[in-house]
Amino acid sequence: MHKNNGFTLLELLIALTLATMVILLLAMGMNIVMSEWERSGNRLENSLDKVLILLNIERALEGAYPHTYFNEDDNKRYIFFEGEEESMVWVSTVSPGRHPGLQIWELSPSKENDWIQVKVIPAFAGDPTEHLEAESETDSITVLEGYKATFEYLYKDEKLDDETEWLDKWSAKKLQALPNAVRMKLETDGDTEPLEVVALIQANQHQAIRPIKP
C-alpha cells in the first residue's frame, strides 16, 4: 500500500495563511522604512536649501560694492549701504540668477517676523532706495521659515591701531564707507541652536574712503 506524500487541504490553507502574514509584515516594514527615508530626505533637503540660501547671502555680502549715487538735495555723492538691526540693503556684484551688472539686495523681516524676505533687483544709476520703493512687494521672496534674523556691522578704526567694534546700525551715507564685515544671526522660538554667519566685505581691501568714527 503506497503512502500519500501530498499536502492535505488544511496544510495548504495554513501555509497560505502564514505566507500571507509574512508578506503583510514585510509590506508594513517596507512602508515604515520608506516613510522614514522620505522624512529623512525632506529634512536633508530642507537643510541643503537652508545652507544654499545662507551661502548666497554670504557671497552677496562678500561681494558688496561701494556703489555711489548723487543726492540732489545735498549736491553730494554718497556710498550706498544701509543696515539696521533687523534689516539690511546693499549693492553687490553677486546675482542669484547670474545676471550681468550690479544688484540691489534687501533683507527684511516678514510681517509676522518669522520669515526673512529677500528682494534682489538690478542696480541702475541713482539712489537704490528709490528703485526699491518703485518695486512691488510681490517681487520679494520669503525664505528660512521660522527664523528671525539680526545683523551687526564691524567697524575698524585705523587711527586707533585697527581697533574694532560691532555696531547694530550702519549708514554708509554717514560713515562714508562699507562695513568691514557683517555678522548675521538666525534664531528660532524653539530649542534649535542659532545659526551665525560672518561675511567679510572684500571691497574694503580696495576702498580708499575710510569710515568716520560713528
N, C-alpha and C. Protein backbone atom coordinates (compact mmCIF):
# COMPACT_ATOMS: atom_id res chain seq x y z
N MET A 1 0.84 -1.19 0.00
CA MET A 1 0.00 0.00 0.00
C MET A 1 0.89 1.24 0.00
N HIS A 2 0.68 2.18 -0.92
CA HIS A 2 1.51 3.37 -1.07
C HIS A 2 1.02 4.49 -0.17
N LYS A 3 2.00 5.21 0.48
CA LYS A 3 1.65 6.37 1.30
C LYS A 3 1.40 7.60 0.41
N ASN A 4 0.48 8.46 0.84
CA ASN A 4 0.20 9.69 0.10
C ASN A 4 1.11 10.79 0.63
N ASN A 5 2.13 11.19 -0.16
CA ASN A 5 3.11 12.21 0.26
C ASN A 5 2.66 13.64 -0.02
N GLY A 6 1.48 13.89 -0.53
CA GLY A 6 0.98 15.22 -0.84
C GLY A 6 0.49 15.95 0.39
N PHE A 7 0.13 17.24 0.22
CA PHE A 7 -0.38 18.06 1.32
C PHE A 7 -1.89 17.94 1.39
N THR A 8 -2.36 17.97 2.61
CA THR A 8 -3.80 17.99 2.79
C THR A 8 -4.31 19.42 2.56
N LEU A 9 -5.61 19.58 2.40
CA LEU A 9 -6.21 20.89 2.20
C LEU A 9 -5.96 21.80 3.40
N LEU A 10 -6.00 21.24 4.59
CA LEU A 10 -5.76 22.03 5.80
C LEU A 10 -4.33 22.55 5.84
N GLU A 11 -3.38 21.71 5.46
CA GLU A 11 -1.98 22.12 5.45
C GLU A 11 -1.75 23.24 4.42
N LEU A 12 -2.40 23.13 3.28
CA LEU A 12 -2.26 24.17 2.26
C LEU A 12 -2.84 25.50 2.74
N LEU A 13 -3.99 25.43 3.44
CA LEU A 13 -4.60 26.66 3.96
C LEU A 13 -3.71 27.31 5.01
N ILE A 14 -3.12 26.47 5.87
CA ILE A 14 -2.22 27.00 6.90
C ILE A 14 -1.00 27.64 6.26
N ALA A 15 -0.43 26.98 5.24
CA ALA A 15 0.76 27.51 4.56
C ALA A 15 0.44 28.83 3.85
N LEU A 16 -0.72 28.91 3.20
CA LEU A 16 -1.11 30.14 2.52
C LEU A 16 -1.34 31.28 3.52
N THR A 17 -1.94 30.94 4.66
CA THR A 17 -2.18 31.95 5.69
C THR A 17 -0.87 32.50 6.24
N LEU A 18 0.08 31.61 6.52
CA LEU A 18 1.39 32.04 7.02
C LEU A 18 2.13 32.89 5.98
N ALA A 19 2.07 32.48 4.72
CA ALA A 19 2.74 33.24 3.66
C ALA A 19 2.13 34.63 3.52
N THR A 20 0.79 34.68 3.63
CA THR A 20 0.11 35.99 3.53
C THR A 20 0.53 36.90 4.68
N MET A 21 0.61 36.34 5.90
CA MET A 21 1.02 37.13 7.07
C MET A 21 2.44 37.65 6.90
N VAL A 22 3.33 36.80 6.39
CA VAL A 22 4.73 37.21 6.18
C VAL A 22 4.82 38.34 5.16
N ILE A 23 4.04 38.22 4.08
CA ILE A 23 4.04 39.26 3.04
C ILE A 23 3.51 40.57 3.60
N LEU A 24 2.44 40.49 4.41
CA LEU A 24 1.87 41.70 5.01
C LEU A 24 2.86 42.38 5.95
N LEU A 25 3.55 41.55 6.76
CA LEU A 25 4.55 42.10 7.68
C LEU A 25 5.69 42.76 6.92
N LEU A 26 6.13 42.12 5.84
CA LEU A 26 7.20 42.71 5.03
C LEU A 26 6.75 44.01 4.39
N ALA A 27 5.51 44.03 3.90
CA ALA A 27 4.98 45.24 3.28
C ALA A 27 4.88 46.38 4.29
N MET A 28 4.40 46.06 5.52
CA MET A 28 4.31 47.08 6.57
C MET A 28 5.69 47.60 6.94
N GLY A 29 6.65 46.69 7.06
CA GLY A 29 8.01 47.10 7.39
C GLY A 29 8.62 47.98 6.31
N MET A 30 8.37 47.59 5.05
CA MET A 30 8.89 48.38 3.94
C MET A 30 8.26 49.77 3.91
N ASN A 31 6.96 49.83 4.22
CA ASN A 31 6.26 51.11 4.24
C ASN A 31 6.82 52.02 5.33
N ILE A 32 7.12 51.44 6.50
CA ILE A 32 7.71 52.22 7.60
C ILE A 32 9.09 52.73 7.20
N VAL A 33 9.90 51.86 6.59
CA VAL A 33 11.25 52.25 6.16
C VAL A 33 11.19 53.35 5.12
N MET A 34 10.27 53.21 4.13
CA MET A 34 10.15 54.22 3.08
C MET A 34 9.66 55.56 3.65
N SER A 35 8.73 55.50 4.61
CA SER A 35 8.23 56.74 5.22
C SER A 35 9.34 57.45 5.97
N GLU A 36 10.13 56.69 6.73
CA GLU A 36 11.23 57.28 7.47
C GLU A 36 12.30 57.83 6.53
N TRP A 37 12.54 57.09 5.44
CA TRP A 37 13.51 57.55 4.44
C TRP A 37 13.04 58.87 3.82
N GLU A 38 11.71 58.95 3.53
CA GLU A 38 11.17 60.18 2.93
C GLU A 38 11.28 61.35 3.90
N ARG A 39 10.97 61.09 5.20
CA ARG A 39 11.09 62.15 6.20
C ARG A 39 12.54 62.60 6.34
N SER A 40 13.46 61.64 6.35
CA SER A 40 14.88 61.98 6.43
C SER A 40 15.32 62.76 5.20
N GLY A 41 14.80 62.32 4.03
CA GLY A 41 15.13 63.03 2.80
C GLY A 41 14.63 64.45 2.81
N ASN A 42 13.41 64.66 3.35
CA ASN A 42 12.86 66.01 3.43
C ASN A 42 13.68 66.88 4.36
N ARG A 43 14.12 66.30 5.51
CA ARG A 43 14.94 67.06 6.44
C ARG A 43 16.27 67.43 5.79
N LEU A 44 16.85 66.47 5.06
CA LEU A 44 18.12 66.74 4.38
C LEU A 44 17.93 67.81 3.31
N GLU A 45 16.82 67.71 2.55
CA GLU A 45 16.56 68.69 1.50
C GLU A 45 16.37 70.08 2.10
N ASN A 46 15.62 70.17 3.21
CA ASN A 46 15.43 71.45 3.87
C ASN A 46 16.74 72.02 4.38
N SER A 47 17.59 71.15 4.92
CA SER A 47 18.89 71.60 5.42
C SER A 47 19.75 72.11 4.27
N LEU A 48 19.73 71.38 3.14
CA LEU A 48 20.52 71.81 1.98
C LEU A 48 20.01 73.14 1.44
N ASP A 49 18.67 73.30 1.38
CA ASP A 49 18.10 74.56 0.92
C ASP A 49 18.54 75.71 1.81
N LYS A 50 18.53 75.47 3.12
CA LYS A 50 18.91 76.49 4.09
C LYS A 50 20.38 76.88 3.89
N VAL A 51 21.23 75.88 3.71
CA VAL A 51 22.66 76.15 3.50
C VAL A 51 22.90 76.93 2.23
N LEU A 52 22.19 76.55 1.15
CA LEU A 52 22.36 77.25 -0.13
C LEU A 52 21.92 78.70 -0.03
N ILE A 53 20.81 78.96 0.68
CA ILE A 53 20.33 80.33 0.86
C ILE A 53 21.37 81.15 1.62
N LEU A 54 21.89 80.58 2.72
CA LEU A 54 22.88 81.29 3.52
C LEU A 54 24.16 81.54 2.73
N LEU A 55 24.55 80.56 1.91
CA LEU A 55 25.76 80.74 1.09
C LEU A 55 25.57 81.87 0.08
N ASN A 56 24.39 81.95 -0.51
CA ASN A 56 24.12 83.03 -1.48
C ASN A 56 24.14 84.39 -0.80
N ILE A 57 23.54 84.48 0.40
CA ILE A 57 23.55 85.75 1.13
C ILE A 57 24.97 86.11 1.54
N GLU A 58 25.73 85.12 2.00
CA GLU A 58 27.12 85.39 2.39
C GLU A 58 27.94 85.87 1.21
N ARG A 59 27.78 85.22 0.05
CA ARG A 59 28.51 85.63 -1.15
C ARG A 59 28.12 87.03 -1.58
N ALA A 60 26.82 87.35 -1.46
CA ALA A 60 26.35 88.69 -1.85
C ALA A 60 26.94 89.75 -0.93
N LEU A 61 27.10 89.43 0.36
CA LEU A 61 27.71 90.38 1.29
C LEU A 61 29.21 90.53 1.02
N GLU A 62 29.86 89.42 0.76
CA GLU A 62 31.29 89.49 0.45
C GLU A 62 31.54 90.29 -0.82
N GLY A 63 30.55 90.24 -1.73
CA GLY A 63 30.66 90.99 -2.99
C GLY A 63 30.05 92.36 -2.92
N ALA A 64 29.82 92.88 -1.69
CA ALA A 64 29.25 94.23 -1.56
C ALA A 64 30.13 95.24 -2.29
N TYR A 65 29.48 96.13 -3.03
CA TYR A 65 30.18 97.08 -3.90
C TYR A 65 29.94 98.51 -3.41
N PRO A 66 30.98 99.36 -3.38
CA PRO A 66 30.81 100.75 -2.94
C PRO A 66 30.11 101.60 -4.00
N HIS A 67 28.87 101.21 -4.28
CA HIS A 67 28.06 101.92 -5.27
C HIS A 67 27.76 103.34 -4.79
N THR A 68 27.99 104.33 -5.64
CA THR A 68 27.73 105.72 -5.25
C THR A 68 26.56 106.28 -6.05
N TYR A 69 25.86 107.23 -5.44
CA TYR A 69 24.74 107.89 -6.09
C TYR A 69 24.78 109.38 -5.72
N PHE A 70 24.18 110.18 -6.56
CA PHE A 70 24.19 111.63 -6.35
C PHE A 70 22.89 112.07 -5.69
N ASN A 71 23.02 112.81 -4.59
CA ASN A 71 21.87 113.35 -3.88
C ASN A 71 21.72 114.82 -4.26
N GLU A 72 20.63 115.13 -4.94
CA GLU A 72 20.42 116.49 -5.43
C GLU A 72 20.19 117.48 -4.29
N ASP A 73 19.55 117.02 -3.21
CA ASP A 73 19.28 117.93 -2.09
C ASP A 73 20.58 118.42 -1.44
N ASP A 74 21.55 117.52 -1.28
CA ASP A 74 22.82 117.88 -0.65
C ASP A 74 23.88 118.28 -1.67
N ASN A 75 23.59 117.97 -2.95
CA ASN A 75 24.57 118.21 -4.01
C ASN A 75 25.87 117.45 -3.72
N LYS A 76 25.73 116.20 -3.23
CA LYS A 76 26.88 115.36 -2.90
C LYS A 76 26.65 113.93 -3.39
N ARG A 77 27.76 113.20 -3.50
CA ARG A 77 27.69 111.78 -3.83
C ARG A 77 27.89 110.97 -2.55
N TYR A 78 27.14 109.89 -2.42
CA TYR A 78 27.22 109.04 -1.24
C TYR A 78 27.41 107.58 -1.63
N ILE A 79 28.08 106.83 -0.75
CA ILE A 79 28.17 105.38 -0.91
C ILE A 79 26.90 104.77 -0.34
N PHE A 80 26.41 103.70 -0.98
CA PHE A 80 25.15 103.10 -0.55
C PHE A 80 25.38 101.81 0.22
N PHE A 81 24.95 101.78 1.45
CA PHE A 81 24.87 100.57 2.29
C PHE A 81 24.15 100.98 3.57
N GLU A 82 22.93 100.48 3.76
CA GLU A 82 22.16 100.86 4.94
C GLU A 82 21.79 99.60 5.72
N GLY A 83 22.24 99.54 6.96
CA GLY A 83 21.97 98.37 7.78
C GLY A 83 21.35 98.72 9.11
N GLU A 84 20.28 98.01 9.44
CA GLU A 84 19.64 98.13 10.75
C GLU A 84 19.81 96.82 11.49
N GLU A 85 19.26 96.75 12.70
CA GLU A 85 19.40 95.53 13.49
C GLU A 85 18.67 94.35 12.86
N GLU A 86 17.52 94.60 12.19
CA GLU A 86 16.74 93.50 11.63
C GLU A 86 16.56 93.60 10.11
N SER A 87 17.22 94.54 9.48
CA SER A 87 17.10 94.68 8.03
C SER A 87 18.39 95.25 7.46
N MET A 88 18.56 95.05 6.16
CA MET A 88 19.80 95.49 5.54
C MET A 88 19.59 95.60 4.03
N VAL A 89 20.20 96.61 3.41
CA VAL A 89 20.13 96.77 1.97
C VAL A 89 21.48 97.26 1.48
N TRP A 90 21.93 96.65 0.38
CA TRP A 90 23.24 96.99 -0.16
C TRP A 90 23.30 96.64 -1.64
N VAL A 91 24.37 97.08 -2.30
CA VAL A 91 24.58 96.77 -3.72
C VAL A 91 25.73 95.76 -3.80
N SER A 92 25.53 94.72 -4.61
CA SER A 92 26.51 93.64 -4.69
C SER A 92 26.83 93.30 -6.13
N THR A 93 28.00 92.74 -6.33
CA THR A 93 28.39 92.23 -7.64
C THR A 93 27.82 90.84 -7.89
N VAL A 94 27.22 90.24 -6.85
CA VAL A 94 26.70 88.86 -6.93
C VAL A 94 25.22 88.88 -7.27
N SER A 95 24.83 88.04 -8.22
CA SER A 95 23.43 87.91 -8.60
C SER A 95 23.02 86.45 -8.44
N PRO A 96 21.87 86.17 -7.79
CA PRO A 96 21.44 84.77 -7.62
C PRO A 96 21.15 84.08 -8.94
N GLY A 97 20.76 84.84 -9.95
CA GLY A 97 20.49 84.27 -11.26
C GLY A 97 21.62 84.48 -12.25
N ARG A 98 22.78 84.92 -11.73
CA ARG A 98 23.95 85.20 -12.56
C ARG A 98 23.65 86.23 -13.65
N HIS A 99 22.81 87.20 -13.30
CA HIS A 99 22.53 88.27 -14.25
C HIS A 99 23.70 89.25 -14.28
N PRO A 100 23.96 89.85 -15.42
CA PRO A 100 25.08 90.79 -15.50
C PRO A 100 24.76 92.09 -14.76
N GLY A 101 25.81 92.77 -14.33
CA GLY A 101 25.63 94.06 -13.68
C GLY A 101 25.44 93.95 -12.18
N LEU A 102 25.43 95.11 -11.53
CA LEU A 102 25.27 95.17 -10.08
C LEU A 102 23.82 94.89 -9.70
N GLN A 103 23.64 94.35 -8.49
CA GLN A 103 22.31 94.01 -8.00
C GLN A 103 22.08 94.63 -6.61
N ILE A 104 20.87 95.12 -6.39
CA ILE A 104 20.49 95.62 -5.07
C ILE A 104 19.90 94.45 -4.28
N TRP A 105 20.45 94.19 -3.10
CA TRP A 105 19.95 93.15 -2.21
C TRP A 105 19.27 93.80 -1.01
N GLU A 106 18.11 93.28 -0.63
CA GLU A 106 17.43 93.76 0.57
C GLU A 106 16.97 92.56 1.39
N LEU A 107 17.35 92.55 2.66
CA LEU A 107 16.88 91.54 3.61
C LEU A 107 16.05 92.26 4.67
N SER A 108 14.86 91.73 4.93
CA SER A 108 13.98 92.35 5.92
C SER A 108 13.08 91.28 6.52
N PRO A 109 12.53 91.52 7.71
CA PRO A 109 11.63 90.53 8.31
C PRO A 109 10.26 90.55 7.63
N SER A 110 9.58 89.40 7.63
CA SER A 110 8.22 89.36 7.12
C SER A 110 7.29 90.05 8.11
N LYS A 111 6.04 90.22 7.73
CA LYS A 111 5.07 90.90 8.61
C LYS A 111 4.91 90.16 9.93
N GLU A 112 4.98 88.82 9.88
CA GLU A 112 4.85 88.02 11.10
C GLU A 112 6.18 87.90 11.84
N ASN A 113 7.26 88.38 11.20
CA ASN A 113 8.61 88.33 11.77
C ASN A 113 9.08 86.90 12.07
N ASP A 114 8.60 85.95 11.28
CA ASP A 114 9.10 84.58 11.43
C ASP A 114 9.60 84.03 10.09
N TRP A 115 9.76 84.90 9.13
CA TRP A 115 10.39 84.59 7.85
C TRP A 115 11.36 85.72 7.53
N ILE A 116 12.22 85.48 6.57
CA ILE A 116 13.11 86.53 6.08
C ILE A 116 12.74 86.82 4.63
N GLN A 117 12.47 88.08 4.34
CA GLN A 117 12.15 88.48 2.98
C GLN A 117 13.42 88.90 2.25
N VAL A 118 13.56 88.40 1.05
CA VAL A 118 14.73 88.73 0.21
C VAL A 118 14.24 89.36 -1.08
N LYS A 119 14.80 90.49 -1.43
CA LYS A 119 14.49 91.14 -2.70
C LYS A 119 15.80 91.45 -3.41
N VAL A 120 15.90 91.07 -4.67
CA VAL A 120 17.10 91.35 -5.48
C VAL A 120 16.64 91.95 -6.80
N ILE A 121 17.10 93.18 -7.10
CA ILE A 121 16.74 93.85 -8.35
C ILE A 121 17.99 94.50 -8.94
N PRO A 122 18.00 94.78 -10.23
CA PRO A 122 19.18 95.43 -10.84
C PRO A 122 19.42 96.81 -10.25
N ALA A 123 20.69 97.15 -10.12
CA ALA A 123 21.08 98.46 -9.59
C ALA A 123 21.40 99.40 -10.75
N PHE A 124 20.48 100.31 -11.01
CA PHE A 124 20.70 101.30 -12.06
C PHE A 124 21.30 102.56 -11.44
N ALA A 125 21.56 103.54 -12.27
CA ALA A 125 22.09 104.81 -11.76
C ALA A 125 21.05 105.47 -10.86
N GLY A 126 21.53 106.18 -9.86
CA GLY A 126 20.62 106.85 -8.94
C GLY A 126 20.57 106.17 -7.59
N ASP A 127 19.73 106.71 -6.72
CA ASP A 127 19.60 106.20 -5.35
C ASP A 127 18.91 104.84 -5.37
N PRO A 128 19.58 103.76 -4.91
CA PRO A 128 18.95 102.43 -4.91
C PRO A 128 17.67 102.37 -4.09
N THR A 129 17.55 103.22 -3.05
CA THR A 129 16.34 103.22 -2.24
C THR A 129 15.12 103.55 -3.09
N GLU A 130 15.27 104.48 -4.01
CA GLU A 130 14.15 104.86 -4.88
C GLU A 130 13.75 103.71 -5.79
N HIS A 131 14.73 102.95 -6.27
CA HIS A 131 14.43 101.80 -7.13
C HIS A 131 13.68 100.73 -6.34
N LEU A 132 14.08 100.51 -5.08
CA LEU A 132 13.40 99.52 -4.25
C LEU A 132 11.96 99.93 -3.97
N GLU A 133 11.74 101.20 -3.70
CA GLU A 133 10.39 101.68 -3.41
C GLU A 133 9.48 101.56 -4.63
N ALA A 134 10.08 101.63 -5.82
CA ALA A 134 9.28 101.53 -7.04
C ALA A 134 8.87 100.09 -7.34
N GLU A 135 9.55 99.12 -6.72
CA GLU A 135 9.22 97.72 -6.94
C GLU A 135 8.08 97.31 -6.01
N SER A 136 7.24 96.39 -6.47
CA SER A 136 6.12 95.92 -5.66
C SER A 136 6.59 94.86 -4.67
N GLU A 137 5.79 94.64 -3.62
CA GLU A 137 6.14 93.64 -2.60
C GLU A 137 6.12 92.23 -3.16
N THR A 138 5.43 92.02 -4.27
CA THR A 138 5.37 90.69 -4.86
C THR A 138 6.72 90.25 -5.42
N ASP A 139 7.65 91.21 -5.56
CA ASP A 139 8.97 90.86 -6.05
C ASP A 139 9.85 90.27 -4.96
N SER A 140 9.37 90.31 -3.71
CA SER A 140 10.11 89.72 -2.60
C SER A 140 9.78 88.24 -2.49
N ILE A 141 10.76 87.46 -2.04
CA ILE A 141 10.52 86.06 -1.74
C ILE A 141 10.82 85.84 -0.26
N THR A 142 10.09 84.93 0.36
CA THR A 142 10.32 84.63 1.77
C THR A 142 11.11 83.34 1.89
N VAL A 143 12.11 83.34 2.75
CA VAL A 143 12.99 82.19 2.91
C VAL A 143 13.21 81.95 4.40
N LEU A 144 13.80 80.79 4.72
CA LEU A 144 14.19 80.44 6.08
C LEU A 144 13.00 80.55 7.04
N GLU A 145 12.02 79.70 6.80
CA GLU A 145 10.79 79.71 7.60
C GLU A 145 11.09 79.51 9.08
N GLY A 146 10.46 80.30 9.91
CA GLY A 146 10.59 80.16 11.36
C GLY A 146 11.80 80.84 11.95
N TYR A 147 12.61 81.50 11.13
CA TYR A 147 13.83 82.15 11.63
C TYR A 147 13.67 83.66 11.69
N LYS A 148 14.27 84.24 12.71
CA LYS A 148 14.35 85.69 12.85
C LYS A 148 15.82 86.09 12.71
N ALA A 149 16.10 87.09 11.89
CA ALA A 149 17.48 87.49 11.62
C ALA A 149 17.82 88.80 12.31
N THR A 150 19.02 88.87 12.86
CA THR A 150 19.57 90.12 13.38
C THR A 150 20.96 90.32 12.79
N PHE A 151 21.34 91.58 12.60
CA PHE A 151 22.59 91.89 11.93
C PHE A 151 23.46 92.82 12.78
N GLU A 152 24.78 92.64 12.67
CA GLU A 152 25.76 93.54 13.28
C GLU A 152 26.82 93.86 12.25
N TYR A 153 27.45 95.04 12.41
CA TYR A 153 28.35 95.56 11.38
C TYR A 153 29.69 95.91 12.03
N LEU A 154 30.77 95.41 11.42
CA LEU A 154 32.10 95.59 12.00
C LEU A 154 32.72 96.91 11.55
N TYR A 155 33.08 97.71 12.54
CA TYR A 155 33.77 98.97 12.29
C TYR A 155 35.22 98.83 12.75
N LYS A 156 36.15 99.26 11.89
CA LYS A 156 37.58 99.20 12.23
C LYS A 156 38.16 100.61 12.15
N ASP A 157 38.75 101.04 13.26
CA ASP A 157 39.34 102.37 13.33
C ASP A 157 40.85 102.26 13.14
N GLU A 158 41.33 102.65 11.95
CA GLU A 158 42.76 102.54 11.66
C GLU A 158 43.59 103.53 12.46
N LYS A 159 42.97 104.63 12.89
CA LYS A 159 43.71 105.62 13.67
C LYS A 159 44.02 105.11 15.07
N LEU A 160 43.28 104.11 15.52
CA LEU A 160 43.49 103.54 16.86
C LEU A 160 43.99 102.10 16.75
N ASP A 161 45.01 101.92 15.91
CA ASP A 161 45.64 100.60 15.73
C ASP A 161 44.61 99.53 15.37
N ASP A 162 43.75 99.86 14.41
CA ASP A 162 42.74 98.92 13.91
C ASP A 162 41.81 98.41 15.00
N GLU A 163 41.47 99.27 15.92
CA GLU A 163 40.50 98.90 16.96
C GLU A 163 39.15 98.60 16.31
N THR A 164 38.52 97.50 16.71
CA THR A 164 37.27 97.08 16.08
C THR A 164 36.10 97.17 17.05
N GLU A 165 34.92 97.31 16.47
CA GLU A 165 33.70 97.41 17.27
C GLU A 165 32.52 96.94 16.41
N TRP A 166 31.64 96.11 17.00
CA TRP A 166 30.44 95.66 16.30
C TRP A 166 29.31 96.65 16.58
N LEU A 167 28.72 97.19 15.51
CA LEU A 167 27.65 98.17 15.62
C LEU A 167 26.33 97.53 15.24
N ASP A 168 25.23 98.00 15.85
CA ASP A 168 23.92 97.46 15.49
C ASP A 168 23.26 98.22 14.33
N LYS A 169 23.93 99.28 13.84
CA LYS A 169 23.45 100.02 12.68
C LYS A 169 24.64 100.44 11.83
N TRP A 170 24.37 100.61 10.54
CA TRP A 170 25.42 101.10 9.65
C TRP A 170 24.79 101.93 8.54
N SER A 171 25.23 103.16 8.43
CA SER A 171 24.78 104.03 7.34
C SER A 171 25.99 104.51 6.58
N ALA A 172 26.15 104.00 5.35
CA ALA A 172 27.28 104.42 4.53
C ALA A 172 27.17 105.90 4.17
N LYS A 173 25.98 106.42 4.17
CA LYS A 173 25.79 107.84 3.89
C LYS A 173 26.47 108.69 4.97
N LYS A 174 26.42 108.21 6.23
CA LYS A 174 27.04 108.95 7.32
C LYS A 174 28.51 108.55 7.51
N LEU A 175 28.80 107.27 7.41
CA LEU A 175 30.16 106.77 7.69
C LEU A 175 31.07 106.83 6.47
N GLN A 176 30.49 107.05 5.28
CA GLN A 176 31.25 107.21 4.04
C GLN A 176 32.06 105.96 3.67
N ALA A 177 31.57 104.80 4.03
CA ALA A 177 32.26 103.56 3.69
C ALA A 177 31.36 102.37 3.94
N LEU A 178 31.80 101.22 3.45
CA LEU A 178 31.15 99.96 3.76
C LEU A 178 31.67 99.42 5.08
N PRO A 179 30.90 98.58 5.78
CA PRO A 179 31.44 97.93 6.98
C PRO A 179 32.54 96.96 6.59
N ASN A 180 33.41 96.64 7.54
CA ASN A 180 34.47 95.67 7.26
C ASN A 180 33.93 94.23 7.20
N ALA A 181 32.84 93.99 7.91
CA ALA A 181 32.20 92.67 7.90
C ALA A 181 30.77 92.81 8.41
N VAL A 182 29.97 91.80 8.13
CA VAL A 182 28.60 91.73 8.62
C VAL A 182 28.41 90.40 9.34
N ARG A 183 27.83 90.46 10.53
CA ARG A 183 27.51 89.23 11.26
C ARG A 183 25.99 89.06 11.27
N MET A 184 25.54 87.93 10.75
CA MET A 184 24.11 87.64 10.69
C MET A 184 23.80 86.47 11.62
N LYS A 185 22.86 86.66 12.52
CA LYS A 185 22.46 85.61 13.44
C LYS A 185 21.00 85.25 13.18
N LEU A 186 20.75 83.94 13.04
CA LEU A 186 19.40 83.44 12.79
C LEU A 186 18.94 82.64 14.00
N GLU A 187 17.78 83.00 14.55
CA GLU A 187 17.26 82.33 15.74
C GLU A 187 15.81 81.93 15.53
N THR A 188 15.39 80.87 16.23
CA THR A 188 14.00 80.42 16.21
C THR A 188 13.44 80.49 17.63
N ASP A 189 12.12 80.30 17.71
CA ASP A 189 11.48 80.29 19.02
C ASP A 189 11.68 78.96 19.74
N GLY A 190 12.12 77.94 19.03
CA GLY A 190 12.30 76.62 19.62
C GLY A 190 13.66 76.45 20.27
N ASP A 191 14.05 75.17 20.43
CA ASP A 191 15.32 74.84 21.08
C ASP A 191 16.47 74.72 20.09
N THR A 192 16.21 75.04 18.83
CA THR A 192 17.24 74.91 17.80
C THR A 192 18.38 75.89 18.06
N GLU A 193 19.61 75.39 17.86
CA GLU A 193 20.78 76.24 18.03
C GLU A 193 20.74 77.38 17.02
N PRO A 194 21.05 78.62 17.44
CA PRO A 194 21.07 79.74 16.49
C PRO A 194 22.18 79.55 15.45
N LEU A 195 21.91 80.02 14.24
CA LEU A 195 22.91 79.96 13.17
C LEU A 195 23.58 81.32 13.08
N GLU A 196 24.87 81.31 12.79
CA GLU A 196 25.61 82.56 12.69
C GLU A 196 26.52 82.54 11.47
N VAL A 197 26.46 83.61 10.70
CA VAL A 197 27.28 83.76 9.51
C VAL A 197 28.03 85.08 9.61
N VAL A 198 29.34 85.05 9.38
CA VAL A 198 30.15 86.27 9.35
C VAL A 198 30.73 86.40 7.95
N ALA A 199 30.36 87.48 7.27
CA ALA A 199 30.83 87.71 5.90
C ALA A 199 31.76 88.91 5.88
N LEU A 200 32.97 88.71 5.37
CA LEU A 200 33.94 89.80 5.24
C LEU A 200 33.65 90.58 3.97
N ILE A 201 33.61 91.90 4.08
CA ILE A 201 33.36 92.75 2.91
C ILE A 201 34.68 92.95 2.18
N GLN A 202 34.83 92.29 1.06
CA GLN A 202 36.11 92.29 0.35
C GLN A 202 36.45 93.63 -0.25
N ALA A 203 35.46 94.46 -0.58
CA ALA A 203 35.72 95.76 -1.21
C ALA A 203 36.52 96.68 -0.30
N ASN A 204 36.50 96.43 1.02
CA ASN A 204 37.26 97.28 1.94
C ASN A 204 38.76 97.20 1.69
N GLN A 205 39.21 96.11 1.08
CA GLN A 205 40.63 95.98 0.80
C GLN A 205 41.08 96.96 -0.28
N HIS A 206 40.14 97.46 -1.06
CA HIS A 206 40.47 98.37 -2.16
C HIS A 206 39.82 99.73 -1.99
N GLN A 207 39.10 99.92 -0.88
CA GLN A 207 38.35 101.16 -0.70
C GLN A 207 39.23 102.25 -0.11
N ALA A 208 39.34 103.36 -0.85
CA ALA A 208 40.17 104.46 -0.38
C ALA A 208 39.49 105.27 0.72
N ILE A 209 38.15 105.37 0.66
CA ILE A 209 37.42 106.13 1.66
C ILE A 209 37.26 105.28 2.91
N ARG A 210 37.65 105.80 4.05
CA ARG A 210 37.56 105.09 5.30
C ARG A 210 36.42 105.63 6.15
N PRO A 211 35.79 104.77 6.96
CA PRO A 211 34.65 105.25 7.74
C PRO A 211 35.02 106.29 8.78
N ILE A 212 34.11 107.23 8.97
CA ILE A 212 34.27 108.22 10.02
C ILE A 212 33.85 107.58 11.33
N LYS A 213 34.50 107.96 12.41
CA LYS A 213 34.16 107.40 13.71
C LYS A 213 32.70 107.65 14.01
N PRO A 214 31.89 106.55 14.25
CA PRO A 214 30.45 106.73 14.49
C PRO A 214 30.19 107.35 15.88
